[in-house]
Amino acid sequence: MSVRFEPLVEQIEENLGERPKETSADSGYYSEPNVMSLRRRGIDDYVCPDRLKHGQKPPRVRGRIPKDLSFIDRVRRKLSTKRGRVTYTLRKQIAEPVFGQMKQGRGLRQFLLRGLEKVDGEWSLWCTGHNLLKVWAAAAR
């Protein structure tokens, strides 16, 4: 089961006051309804439908798109293009390091509280602390 993308996009729009031009996400977010929802909103999607092993790259593609290609194969093909590979790779550089820093550097392995509301609050505290440390480090330069 994939995570619903619509509430995340709505939150981005609310926080930034504008719609994102493109999104990228790993296979946990892939579903045909999620991708279709992004496309209906005019958002360029780079959502990987398959779990890729660490360091694994999708095969490169060339030429015209076959007319009989299924929806999921069209999504795979889009990620296999040069632009698709570059855009999807950025996700690993922008979003993923934060999770590694939280887990390895700060020791977040599990939440101490239970229940969605309490975990949401605990996550907010972790993120606030993480961001404050980044601001402090940047000010110290």
C-alpha atoms as a PDB file:
ATOM      1  CA  MET A   1       0.000   0.000   0.000  1.00  0.00           C
ATOM      2  CA  SER A   2       1.384   3.369  -0.950  1.00  0.00           C
ATOM      3  CA  VAL A   3       1.246   6.607   0.998  1.00  0.00           C
ATOM      4  CA  ARG A   4      -1.276   9.117  -0.334  1.00  0.00           C
ATOM      5  CA  PHE A   5       0.429  11.993  -2.124  1.00  0.00           C
ATOM      6  CA  GLU A   6      -2.452  14.495  -2.196  1.00  0.00           C
ATOM      7  CA  PRO A   7      -2.253  15.569   1.477  1.00  0.00           C
ATOM      8  CA  LEU A   8       1.504  16.082   1.121  1.00  0.00           C
ATOM      9  CA  VAL A   9       1.096  18.279  -1.953  1.00  0.00           C
ATOM     10  CA  GLU A  10      -1.663  20.251  -0.219  1.00  0.00           C
ATOM     11  CA  GLN A  11       0.657  20.820   2.759  1.00  0.00           C
ATOM     12  CA  ILE A  12       3.433  22.017   0.442  1.00  0.00           C
ATOM     13  CA  GLU A  13       1.013  24.427  -1.238  1.00  0.00           C
ATOM     14  CA  GLU A  14      -0.187  25.697   2.146  1.00  0.00           C
ATOM     15  CA  ASN A  15       3.350  26.149   3.516  1.00  0.00           C
ATOM     16  CA  LEU A  16       4.877  27.748   0.412  1.00  0.00           C
ATOM     17  CA  GLY A  17       1.858  29.458  -1.093  1.00  0.00           C
ATOM     18  CA  GLU A  18       2.436  27.796  -4.455  1.00  0.00           C
ATOM     19  CA  ARG A  19       2.253  24.423  -6.136  1.00  0.00           C
ATOM     20  CA  PRO A  20       5.503  22.505  -6.690  1.00  0.00           C
ATOM     21  CA  LYS A  21       6.603  22.225 -10.310  1.00  0.00           C
ATOM     22  CA  GLU A  22       7.887  18.675  -9.868  1.00  0.00           C
ATOM     23  CA  THR A  23       8.128  15.953  -7.260  1.00  0.00           C
ATOM     24  CA  SER A  24      10.236  12.873  -6.772  1.00  0.00           C
ATOM     25  CA  ALA A  25       9.576  10.025  -4.390  1.00  0.00           C
ATOM     26  CA  ASP A  26      10.577   6.443  -3.766  1.00  0.00           C
ATOM     27  CA  SER A  27       8.491   3.339  -4.368  1.00  0.00           C
ATOM     28  CA  GLY A  28       6.569   3.722  -1.093  1.00  0.00           C
ATOM     29  CA  TYR A  29       4.669   6.588  -2.716  1.00  0.00           C
ATOM     30  CA  TYR A  30       4.014   4.910  -6.049  1.00  0.00           C
ATOM     31  CA  SER A  31       0.494   4.105  -7.095  1.00  0.00           C
ATOM     32  CA  GLU A  32      -1.312   4.921 -10.302  1.00  0.00           C
ATOM     33  CA  PRO A  33      -3.828   7.157  -8.446  1.00  0.00           C
ATOM     34  CA  ASN A  34      -0.941   9.092  -6.809  1.00  0.00           C
ATOM     35  CA  VAL A  35       0.819   9.696 -10.119  1.00  0.00           C
ATOM     36  CA  MET A  36      -2.454  10.609 -11.841  1.00  0.00           C
ATOM     37  CA  SER A  37      -3.268  13.052  -9.013  1.00  0.00           C
ATOM     38  CA  LEU A  38       0.086  14.802  -9.522  1.00  0.00           C
ATOM     39  CA  ARG A  39      -0.434  14.984 -13.256  1.00  0.00           C
ATOM     40  CA  ARG A  40      -3.968  16.405 -12.861  1.00  0.00           C
ATOM     41  CA  ARG A  41      -2.425  19.200 -10.768  1.00  0.00           C
ATOM     42  CA  GLY A  42       0.164  19.895 -13.471  1.00  0.00           C
ATOM     43  CA  ILE A  43       3.064  18.585 -11.351  1.00  0.00           C
ATOM     44  CA  ASP A  44       5.875  16.782 -13.169  1.00  0.00           C
ATOM     45  CA  ASP A  45       6.223  13.431 -11.398  1.00  0.00           C
ATOM     46  CA  TYR A  46       9.307  11.291 -10.793  1.00  0.00           C
ATOM     47  CA  VAL A  47       7.910   8.561  -8.562  1.00  0.00           C
ATOM     48  CA  CYS A  48       9.760   5.268  -8.744  1.00  0.00           C
ATOM     49  CA  PRO A  49       7.393   2.292  -9.055  1.00  0.00           C
ATOM     50  CA  ASP A  50      10.046  -0.282  -8.097  1.00  0.00           C
ATOM     51  CA  ARG A  51      12.323  -0.715  -5.105  1.00  0.00           C
ATOM     52  CA  LEU A  52      15.824  -0.161  -6.360  1.00  0.00           C
ATOM     53  CA  LYS A  53      18.760  -1.749  -4.591  1.00  0.00           C
ATOM     54  CA  HIS A  54      21.421   0.629  -3.305  1.00  0.00           C
ATOM     55  CA  GLY A  55      23.447   1.862  -6.250  1.00  0.00           C
ATOM     56  CA  GLN A  56      21.127   0.231  -8.783  1.00  0.00           C
ATOM     57  CA  LYS A  57      20.252   2.458 -11.718  1.00  0.00           C
ATOM     58  CA  PRO A  58      17.295   2.008 -14.037  1.00  0.00           C
ATOM     59  CA  PRO A  59      18.206   0.893 -17.558  1.00  0.00           C
ATOM     60  CA  ARG A  60      18.673   3.675 -20.100  1.00  0.00           C
ATOM     61  CA  VAL A  61      16.090   4.040 -22.829  1.00  0.00           C
ATOM     62  CA  ARG A  62      16.130   5.590 -26.258  1.00  0.00           C
ATOM     63  CA  GLY A  63      13.725   6.053 -29.085  1.00  0.00           C
ATOM     64  CA  ARG A  64      10.004   6.487 -29.283  1.00  0.00           C
ATOM     65  CA  ILE A  65       7.629   5.263 -26.628  1.00  0.00           C
ATOM     66  CA  PRO A  66       5.816   2.125 -27.804  1.00  0.00           C
ATOM     67  CA  LYS A  67       2.073   2.724 -28.100  1.00  0.00           C
ATOM     68  CA  ASP A  68       1.107  -0.445 -26.220  1.00  0.00           C
ATOM     69  CA  LEU A  69       3.190   0.393 -23.111  1.00  0.00           C
ATOM     70  CA  SER A  70       1.267   0.088 -19.828  1.00  0.00           C
ATOM     71  CA  PHE A  71       0.953   3.009 -17.408  1.00  0.00           C
ATOM     72  CA  ILE A  72       3.547   1.630 -14.971  1.00  0.00           C
ATOM     73  CA  ASP A  73       5.974   0.898 -17.821  1.00  0.00           C
ATOM     74  CA  ARG A  74       5.568   4.501 -19.037  1.00  0.00           C
ATOM     75  CA  VAL A  75       6.464   5.703 -15.526  1.00  0.00           C
ATOM     76  CA  ARG A  76       9.493   3.382 -15.479  1.00  0.00           C
ATOM     77  CA  ARG A  77      10.526   4.661 -18.893  1.00  0.00           C
ATOM     78  CA  LYS A  78      10.247   8.294 -17.754  1.00  0.00           C
ATOM     79  CA  LEU A  79      12.610   7.557 -14.836  1.00  0.00           C
ATOM     80  CA  SER A  80      15.001   5.815 -17.222  1.00  0.00           C
ATOM     81  CA  THR A  81      15.490   8.897 -19.375  1.00  0.00           C
ATOM     82  CA  LYS A  82      18.495  11.139 -18.771  1.00  0.00           C
ATOM     83  CA  ARG A  83      16.298  13.845 -17.189  1.00  0.00           C
ATOM     84  CA  GLY A  84      14.456  11.234 -15.119  1.00  0.00           C
ATOM     85  CA  ARG A  85      17.686   9.771 -13.726  1.00  0.00           C
ATOM     86  CA  VAL A  86      19.099  13.213 -12.881  1.00  0.00           C
ATOM     87  CA  THR A  87      15.892  14.404 -11.214  1.00  0.00           C
ATOM     88  CA  TYR A  88      15.384  11.206  -9.211  1.00  0.00           C
ATOM     89  CA  THR A  89      19.026  11.216  -8.080  1.00  0.00           C
ATOM     90  CA  LEU A  90      18.549  14.692  -6.572  1.00  0.00           C
ATOM     91  CA  ARG A  91      16.095  13.155  -4.092  1.00  0.00           C
ATOM     92  CA  LYS A  92      18.950  11.154  -2.610  1.00  0.00           C
ATOM     93  CA  GLN A  93      21.017  14.326  -2.169  1.00  0.00           C
ATOM     94  CA  ILE A  94      18.286  16.583  -0.800  1.00  0.00           C
ATOM     95  CA  ALA A  95      15.892  14.528   1.330  1.00  0.00           C
ATOM     96  CA  GLU A  96      17.651  11.328   2.317  1.00  0.00           C
ATOM     97  CA  PRO A  97      20.694  12.781   4.167  1.00  0.00           C
ATOM     98  CA  VAL A  98      18.397  14.314   6.794  1.00  0.00           C
ATOM     99  CA  PHE A  99      17.040  10.882   7.708  1.00  0.00           C
ATOM    100  CA  GLY A 100      20.566   9.506   7.942  1.00  0.00           C
ATOM    101  CA  GLN A 101      21.628  12.391  10.191  1.00  0.00           C
ATOM    102  CA  MET A 102      18.594  11.895  12.426  1.00  0.00           C
ATOM    103  CA  LYS A 103      19.177   8.156  12.718  1.00  0.00           C
ATOM    104  CA  GLN A 104      22.965   7.955  12.889  1.00  0.00           C
ATOM    105  CA  GLY A 105      24.007  11.324  14.281  1.00  0.00           C
ATOM    106  CA  ARG A 106      21.127  12.015  16.654  1.00  0.00           C
ATOM    107  CA  GLY A 107      20.226   8.427  17.583  1.00  0.00           C
ATOM    108  CA  LEU A 108      16.591   8.388  16.451  1.00  0.00           C
ATOM    109  CA  ARG A 109      15.835   4.694  16.047  1.00  0.00           C
ATOM    110  CA  GLN A 110      12.265   4.598  17.314  1.00  0.00           C
ATOM    111  CA  PHE A 111       9.686   6.930  18.743  1.00  0.00           C
ATOM    112  CA  LEU A 112       9.179   6.929  22.485  1.00  0.00           C
ATOM    113  CA  LEU A 113       5.490   7.833  22.342  1.00  0.00           C
ATOM    114  CA  ARG A 114       2.556   5.968  20.817  1.00  0.00           C
ATOM    115  CA  GLY A 115      -0.352   7.230  18.777  1.00  0.00           C
ATOM    116  CA  LEU A 116      -0.278   9.286  15.605  1.00  0.00           C
ATOM    117  CA  GLU A 117      -0.788  12.637  17.318  1.00  0.00           C
ATOM    118  CA  LYS A 118       1.951  12.025  19.896  1.00  0.00           C
ATOM    119  CA  VAL A 119       4.405  10.661  17.305  1.00  0.00           C
ATOM    120  CA  ASP A 120       3.681  13.681  15.110  1.00  0.00           C
ATOM    121  CA  GLY A 121       4.577  15.950  18.042  1.00  0.00           C
ATOM    122  CA  GLU A 122       7.717  13.971  18.821  1.00  0.00           C
ATOM    123  CA  TRP A 123       8.781  14.098  15.157  1.00  0.00           C
ATOM    124  CA  SER A 124       8.232  17.864  15.148  1.00  0.00           C
ATOM    125  CA  LEU A 125      10.549  18.194  18.154  1.00  0.00           C
ATOM    126  CA  TRP A 126      13.232  16.092  16.450  1.00  0.00           C
ATOM    127  CA  CYS A 127      12.959  18.218  13.286  1.00  0.00           C
ATOM    128  CA  THR A 128      13.050  21.473  15.258  1.00  0.00           C
ATOM    129  CA  GLY A 129      16.199  20.362  17.070  1.00  0.00           C
ATOM    130  CA  HIS A 130      17.778  19.260  13.798  1.00  0.00           C
ATOM    131  CA  ASN A 131      16.987  22.598  12.140  1.00  0.00           C
ATOM    132  CA  LEU A 132      18.222  24.614  15.128  1.00  0.00           C
ATOM    133  CA  LEU A 133      21.541  22.766  15.016  1.00  0.00           C
ATOM    134  CA  LYS A 134      21.858  23.558  11.307  1.00  0.00           C
ATOM    135  CA  VAL A 135      21.117  27.254  11.916  1.00  0.00           C
ATOM    136  CA  TRP A 136      23.622  27.334  14.799  1.00  0.00           C
ATOM    137  CA  ALA A 137      26.296  25.645  12.667  1.00  0.00           C
ATOM    138  CA  ALA A 138      25.684  28.046   9.784  1.00  0.00           C
ATOM    139  CA  ALA A 139      25.893  31.075  12.123  1.00  0.00           C
ATOM    140  CA  ALA A 140      29.174  29.796  13.580  1.00  0.00           C
ATOM    141  CA  ARG A 141      30.889  29.888  10.154  1.00  0.00           C
END
